[in-house]
Amino acid sequence: MHWQTTRYAIDLSRPHVMGIVNVTPDSFSDGGQHATCQSAMAHCESLLKDGADILDIGGESTRPGAPPVSQEEELARVLPVIRHAVSLGVPVSVDTYKPAVMQAALDLGADIVNDVWALRWASDSGGAHGQNVIAAHPACGVCLMHMHRYPQTMQAAPMEGDVVRQVHAFLTERAVALQWMGVHPSRICLDPGIGFGKTVQQNFALLAHQAQAVPQGYPLLAGWSRKSSLAAVMQSTRTPLADTDMRRRLAPSVTAAVLAVQNGAHIVRVHDVFETVSALRVLAAMQAEQVPQLPIATRGGAARHRNLPA
């Protein structure tokens, strides 16, 4: 399977890691850490050194209860970072729901639009619609995510009923609607939207039943990194649910990414790139039934290889 994007046909015969670059002061896990253009640019380069395959750059937090950001502010945050990122030799994604931000990012050469609204958002003042921006572009990739209600209210009243069936129906409708506008299915990726208006149990139902939640034939993106559902299953007297120490979410985040890949995810969107890449390499080695070969020195100075011990 390939995901067609502006500059790259991404070969998804192996899982890809999408590194998160939040150019925001208030994102739920790393708000403020990369809020300036210079620090965000440096973070892009650091994520690539850690093994990221794709960079996902966003200028507005969509954590539960997050206030909206003006179009002008979002553009000022993300455009300098995108301009730098497109020179780094990997696919670049813009994480936005605003059509004007989509268009500006694509004009700079961005490869992917990653939209939590699945191209449903429309400005009160009118203007271009996200679907039209994507349909007018000859090749960009797009990721359509399922979100229940709005970021400000989604966790106040989570979904009810069969989450797997509802997510499948929604993603199918959004993908088909885009294809009716002339967008080739190879450009479309789907995300079940972990944490966006769902209970803890529903999130794990989506993990267990990814194949049923997402229509067949499309790349599947999973975003479990540092989500509160992971903190919920860690709850104990020493690790209370309200704990916001993101270091404690590292191991469960990496575990969830590996499980997502085992259950069919083609792309995992993560904060902790090095650790996730390392874990996926272990998974790949097991799946290939191969043991890495390490060089060992010989008396003559030449190197030969041996299997690692069991």
Protein backbone atom coordinates (compact mmCIF):
# COMPACT_ATOMS: atom_id res chain seq x y z
CA MET A 1 0.00 0.00 0.00
CA HIS A 2 1.12 3.54 -0.81
CA TRP A 3 -0.14 6.88 0.50
CA GLN A 4 0.07 9.48 -2.24
CA THR A 5 1.11 12.92 -1.01
CA THR A 6 2.33 16.12 -2.64
CA ARG A 7 5.96 15.08 -3.11
CA TYR A 8 6.05 11.47 -1.95
CA ALA A 9 4.24 8.21 -2.58
CA ILE A 10 4.80 6.83 0.92
CA ASP A 11 5.46 3.08 0.89
CA LEU A 12 3.51 1.63 3.79
CA SER A 13 4.85 -1.89 3.51
CA ARG A 14 6.43 -1.07 6.89
CA PRO A 15 4.94 1.07 9.68
CA HIS A 16 5.80 4.77 9.62
CA VAL A 17 6.31 7.05 12.60
CA MET A 18 4.84 10.55 12.42
CA GLY A 19 6.61 12.92 14.81
CA ILE A 20 4.50 15.58 16.51
CA VAL A 21 5.63 19.22 16.39
CA ASN A 22 3.29 21.37 18.50
CA VAL A 23 3.98 25.06 17.90
CA THR A 24 1.62 25.92 20.76
CA PRO A 25 1.72 27.18 24.34
CA ASP A 26 -1.09 24.92 25.55
CA SER A 27 -1.00 21.44 24.00
CA PHE A 28 -1.89 18.81 26.58
CA SER A 29 1.51 17.14 26.92
CA ASP A 30 4.20 19.47 25.60
CA GLY A 31 2.56 22.89 25.43
CA GLY A 32 5.16 25.65 25.36
CA GLN A 33 8.16 23.40 24.81
CA HIS A 34 8.34 24.26 21.10
CA ALA A 35 6.17 27.36 20.98
CA THR A 36 8.73 29.55 19.20
CA CYS A 37 9.60 29.08 15.54
CA GLN A 38 13.27 28.48 16.30
CA SER A 39 12.61 25.81 18.93
CA ALA A 40 10.03 24.12 16.70
CA MET A 41 12.46 24.05 13.78
CA ALA A 42 15.12 22.52 16.01
CA HIS A 43 12.58 19.98 17.23
CA CYS A 44 11.82 18.96 13.63
CA GLU A 45 15.49 18.19 13.09
CA SER A 46 15.74 16.34 16.40
CA LEU A 47 12.76 14.13 15.54
CA LEU A 48 14.34 13.21 12.22
CA LYS A 49 17.55 12.20 13.98
CA ASP A 50 15.41 10.02 16.25
CA GLY A 51 13.96 8.24 13.22
CA ALA A 52 10.72 10.04 12.33
CA ASP A 53 9.41 9.31 8.85
CA ILE A 54 6.89 12.17 8.73
CA LEU A 55 6.66 15.52 10.54
CA ASP A 56 3.23 16.74 11.69
CA ILE A 57 3.20 20.46 12.48
CA GLY A 58 0.29 22.07 14.32
CA GLY A 59 -0.40 25.54 15.69
CA GLU A 60 -3.62 25.01 17.66
CA SER A 61 -4.24 22.63 20.53
CA THR A 62 -7.22 20.31 20.19
CA ARG A 63 -7.01 18.94 23.75
CA PRO A 64 -10.36 18.74 25.55
CA GLY A 65 -11.50 22.22 26.50
CA ALA A 66 -8.80 24.02 24.49
CA PRO A 67 -9.80 27.53 23.33
CA PRO A 68 -9.78 28.17 19.58
CA VAL A 69 -6.94 30.10 17.99
CA SER A 70 -7.46 32.77 15.35
CA GLN A 71 -6.52 32.00 11.77
CA GLU A 72 -3.92 34.77 11.79
CA GLU A 73 -2.24 33.45 14.93
CA GLU A 74 -2.17 29.89 13.63
CA LEU A 75 -0.63 31.00 10.35
CA ALA A 76 2.03 32.99 12.18
CA ARG A 77 2.92 29.96 14.30
CA VAL A 78 3.12 27.24 11.66
CA LEU A 79 4.17 28.77 8.33
CA PRO A 80 7.82 29.52 9.23
CA VAL A 81 8.19 26.01 10.65
CA ILE A 82 6.62 24.39 7.59
CA ARG A 83 8.84 26.46 5.30
CA HIS A 84 11.85 24.99 7.11
CA ALA A 85 10.48 21.46 7.40
CA VAL A 86 9.84 21.01 3.67
CA SER A 87 13.59 21.41 3.12
CA LEU A 88 14.44 18.43 5.36
CA GLY A 89 13.71 15.62 2.89
CA VAL A 90 10.68 13.95 4.49
CA PRO A 91 6.90 14.28 4.09
CA VAL A 92 5.49 17.23 6.02
CA SER A 93 1.97 17.32 7.42
CA VAL A 94 0.02 20.32 8.67
CA ASP A 95 -2.32 19.58 11.56
CA THR A 96 -5.20 22.01 11.02
CA TYR A 97 -8.92 22.22 10.32
CA LYS A 98 -8.89 25.74 8.87
CA PRO A 99 -9.05 25.89 5.05
CA ALA A 100 -6.88 29.02 4.83
CA VAL A 101 -4.13 27.36 6.88
CA MET A 102 -4.38 24.23 4.72
CA GLN A 103 -3.99 26.30 1.57
CA ALA A 104 -1.09 28.34 2.86
CA ALA A 105 0.75 25.19 4.01
CA LEU A 106 0.19 23.46 0.68
CA ASP A 107 1.41 26.56 -1.14
CA LEU A 108 4.69 26.20 0.79
CA GLY A 109 5.01 22.57 -0.36
CA ALA A 110 3.47 20.65 2.54
CA ASP A 111 2.57 17.09 1.63
CA ILE A 112 -0.34 16.21 3.92
CA VAL A 113 -3.31 17.87 5.61
CA ASN A 114 -4.15 16.19 8.92
CA ASP A 115 -7.64 17.33 9.97
CA VAL A 116 -9.35 16.34 13.22
CA TRP A 117 -12.62 17.66 11.74
CA ALA A 118 -12.33 15.43 8.65
CA LEU A 119 -12.86 18.51 6.43
CA ARG A 120 -16.25 19.36 7.98
CA TRP A 121 -15.34 22.70 9.58
CA ALA A 122 -16.51 25.89 7.91
CA SER A 123 -15.75 29.45 8.97
CA ASP A 124 -18.62 31.65 10.08
CA SER A 125 -17.31 34.29 7.70
CA GLY A 126 -17.51 31.98 4.71
CA GLY A 127 -14.56 31.47 2.38
CA ALA A 128 -13.06 28.25 1.06
CA HIS A 129 -14.07 24.89 2.49
CA GLY A 130 -11.46 22.29 3.42
CA GLN A 131 -12.89 19.74 0.98
CA ASN A 132 -12.45 22.25 -1.84
CA VAL A 133 -8.85 22.96 -0.86
CA ILE A 134 -7.98 19.26 -0.97
CA ALA A 135 -9.96 18.58 -4.16
CA ALA A 136 -8.30 21.49 -5.95
CA HIS A 137 -4.81 20.22 -5.13
CA PRO A 138 -3.44 17.69 -7.64
CA ALA A 139 -1.71 15.31 -5.24
CA CYS A 140 -1.64 16.21 -1.53
CA GLY A 141 -2.43 13.55 1.03
CA VAL A 142 -5.16 14.00 3.61
CA CYS A 143 -5.88 12.31 6.94
CA LEU A 144 -9.53 12.28 7.99
CA MET A 145 -10.15 11.74 11.70
CA HIS A 146 -13.27 10.85 13.64
CA MET A 147 -14.18 13.36 16.36
CA HIS A 148 -17.36 13.36 18.42
CA ARG A 149 -18.75 16.88 19.07
CA TYR A 150 -16.15 19.66 19.48
CA PRO A 151 -12.77 19.94 21.24
CA GLN A 152 -14.35 22.23 23.84
CA THR A 153 -17.15 19.77 24.69
CA MET A 154 -16.18 16.33 23.40
CA GLN A 155 -15.20 14.82 26.74
CA ALA A 156 -18.08 16.41 28.64
CA ALA A 157 -20.50 14.16 26.75
CA PRO A 158 -18.62 11.25 25.10
CA MET A 159 -20.10 8.95 22.52
CA GLU A 160 -22.71 6.34 23.34
CA GLY A 161 -23.44 3.01 21.68
CA ASP A 162 -21.30 0.89 19.38
CA VAL A 163 -18.20 3.03 18.88
CA VAL A 164 -16.61 0.71 16.31
CA ARG A 165 -19.65 0.72 14.04
CA GLN A 166 -20.18 4.47 14.36
CA VAL A 167 -16.55 5.31 13.61
CA HIS A 168 -16.57 3.00 10.59
CA ALA A 169 -19.73 4.60 9.20
CA PHE A 170 -18.40 8.12 9.71
CA LEU A 171 -15.00 7.48 8.13
CA THR A 172 -16.59 5.68 5.20
CA GLU A 173 -18.93 8.62 4.55
CA ARG A 174 -16.11 11.18 4.72
CA ALA A 175 -13.81 9.20 2.44
CA VAL A 176 -16.54 8.60 -0.14
CA ALA A 177 -17.57 12.28 -0.08
CA LEU A 178 -14.02 13.32 -0.89
CA GLN A 179 -13.76 10.80 -3.71
CA TRP A 180 -16.98 12.17 -5.23
CA MET A 181 -15.09 15.47 -5.47
CA GLY A 182 -12.37 13.81 -7.53
CA VAL A 183 -9.80 12.95 -4.85
CA HIS A 184 -8.18 9.61 -5.60
CA PRO A 185 -8.51 7.10 -2.73
CA SER A 186 -4.72 6.63 -2.67
CA ARG A 187 -4.48 10.17 -1.22
CA ILE A 188 -6.76 9.40 1.75
CA CYS A 189 -5.69 8.14 5.19
CA LEU A 190 -8.11 7.48 8.07
CA ASP A 191 -7.78 7.96 11.83
CA PRO A 192 -10.31 6.56 14.35
CA GLY A 193 -9.66 9.52 16.67
CA ILE A 194 -8.47 8.04 19.95
CA GLY A 195 -9.51 10.31 22.80
CA PHE A 196 -11.71 12.61 20.75
CA GLY A 197 -15.09 12.31 22.44
CA LYS A 198 -14.71 8.70 23.56
CA THR A 199 -14.60 6.92 26.89
CA VAL A 200 -11.58 4.92 28.04
CA GLN A 201 -13.40 1.69 27.22
CA GLN A 202 -14.34 2.94 23.76
CA ASN A 203 -10.75 3.92 23.00
CA PHE A 204 -9.53 0.44 23.83
CA ALA A 205 -12.38 -1.09 21.84
CA LEU A 206 -11.10 0.85 18.84
CA LEU A 207 -7.59 -0.46 19.46
CA ALA A 208 -8.81 -4.03 19.69
CA HIS A 209 -11.05 -3.74 16.63
CA GLN A 210 -9.14 -1.38 14.34
CA ALA A 211 -9.77 -3.56 11.31
CA GLN A 212 -13.51 -3.21 11.81
CA ALA A 213 -13.41 0.49 12.78
CA VAL A 214 -11.64 1.71 9.66
CA PRO A 215 -12.80 0.85 6.12
CA GLN A 216 -10.49 -1.49 4.25
CA GLY A 217 -8.21 -0.19 1.53
CA TYR A 218 -7.06 3.01 3.23
CA PRO A 219 -3.95 3.67 5.32
CA LEU A 220 -4.76 3.71 9.03
CA LEU A 221 -3.21 6.28 11.37
CA ALA A 222 -3.29 5.71 15.13
CA GLY A 223 -2.66 8.47 17.66
CA TRP A 224 -2.27 7.05 21.17
CA SER A 225 0.71 9.07 22.30
CA ARG A 226 0.40 10.26 25.92
CA LYS A 227 -3.40 10.08 25.86
CA SER A 228 -5.34 10.19 29.14
CA SER A 229 -6.79 6.72 28.51
CA LEU A 230 -3.29 5.37 29.06
CA ALA A 231 -3.11 7.16 32.41
CA ALA A 232 -6.47 5.67 33.32
CA VAL A 233 -5.26 2.09 32.99
CA MET A 234 -2.19 2.97 35.08
CA GLN A 235 -4.31 4.24 37.95
CA SER A 236 -3.11 3.18 41.38
CA THR A 237 -2.30 4.74 44.71
CA ARG A 238 1.09 5.77 43.35
CA THR A 239 -0.09 6.82 39.89
CA PRO A 240 -3.44 8.56 40.24
CA LEU A 241 -5.61 9.28 37.23
CA ALA A 242 -5.11 13.02 37.64
CA ASP A 243 -1.34 12.71 37.37
CA THR A 244 -0.07 14.85 34.48
CA ASP A 245 3.56 13.74 34.60
CA MET A 246 3.99 12.76 30.95
CA ARG A 247 7.12 10.74 31.68
CA ARG A 248 4.87 8.13 33.28
CA ARG A 249 2.99 7.79 30.01
CA LEU A 250 6.06 6.92 27.94
CA ALA A 251 5.98 3.14 28.35
CA PRO A 252 2.22 2.78 27.82
CA SER A 253 2.40 5.13 24.83
CA VAL A 254 5.05 3.00 23.16
CA THR A 255 3.13 -0.16 24.04
CA ALA A 256 -0.05 1.24 22.50
CA ALA A 257 1.82 2.21 19.32
CA VAL A 258 3.21 -1.32 18.95
CA LEU A 259 -0.21 -2.86 19.59
CA ALA A 260 -1.76 -0.50 17.06
CA VAL A 261 0.75 -1.60 14.43
CA GLN A 262 0.16 -5.25 15.28
CA ASN A 263 -3.56 -4.59 14.78
CA GLY A 264 -3.11 -3.02 11.37
CA ALA A 265 -2.02 0.60 11.80
CA HIS A 266 0.26 1.84 9.01
CA ILE A 267 1.25 5.10 10.73
CA VAL A 268 1.59 5.99 14.41
CA ARG A 269 1.56 9.65 15.44
CA VAL A 270 3.82 10.09 18.48
CA HIS A 271 5.70 12.52 20.69
CA ASP A 272 8.41 10.02 21.70
CA VAL A 273 9.89 9.13 18.35
CA PHE A 274 13.15 7.41 19.34
CA GLU A 275 11.48 5.06 21.79
CA THR A 276 8.67 4.21 19.37
CA VAL A 277 11.03 3.58 16.46
CA SER A 278 13.15 1.34 18.69
CA ALA A 279 10.14 -0.68 19.81
CA LEU A 280 8.88 -1.10 16.25
CA ARG A 281 12.29 -2.39 15.19
CA VAL A 282 12.04 -5.07 17.85
CA LEU A 283 8.59 -5.97 16.55
CA ALA A 284 9.89 -6.11 12.97
CA ALA A 285 12.78 -8.36 13.97
CA MET A 286 10.39 -10.77 15.66
CA GLN A 287 8.01 -10.75 12.72
CA ALA A 288 10.85 -11.44 10.31
CA GLU A 289 12.25 -14.13 12.62
CA GLN A 290 15.64 -12.53 12.23
CA VAL A 291 18.31 -11.72 14.77
CA PRO A 292 20.42 -8.61 14.09
CA GLN A 293 23.98 -9.25 13.00
CA LEU A 294 26.70 -7.43 14.94
CA PRO A 295 30.32 -7.09 13.76
CA ILE A 296 32.98 -8.54 16.05
CA ALA A 297 36.68 -7.89 15.85
CA THR A 298 39.15 -10.56 14.76
CA ARG A 299 42.86 -10.75 15.48
CA GLY A 300 43.66 -9.67 11.97
CA GLY A 301 41.67 -6.50 12.38
CA ALA A 302 38.91 -7.48 9.97
CA ALA A 303 35.38 -7.71 11.22
CA ARG A 304 33.14 -10.71 10.96
CA HIS A 305 29.54 -11.10 12.05
CA ARG A 306 27.87 -13.26 14.63
CA ASN A 307 24.35 -13.75 15.86
CA LEU A 308 23.36 -12.18 19.13
CA PRO A 309 23.02 -14.77 21.90
CA ALA A 310 19.53 -15.81 22.87
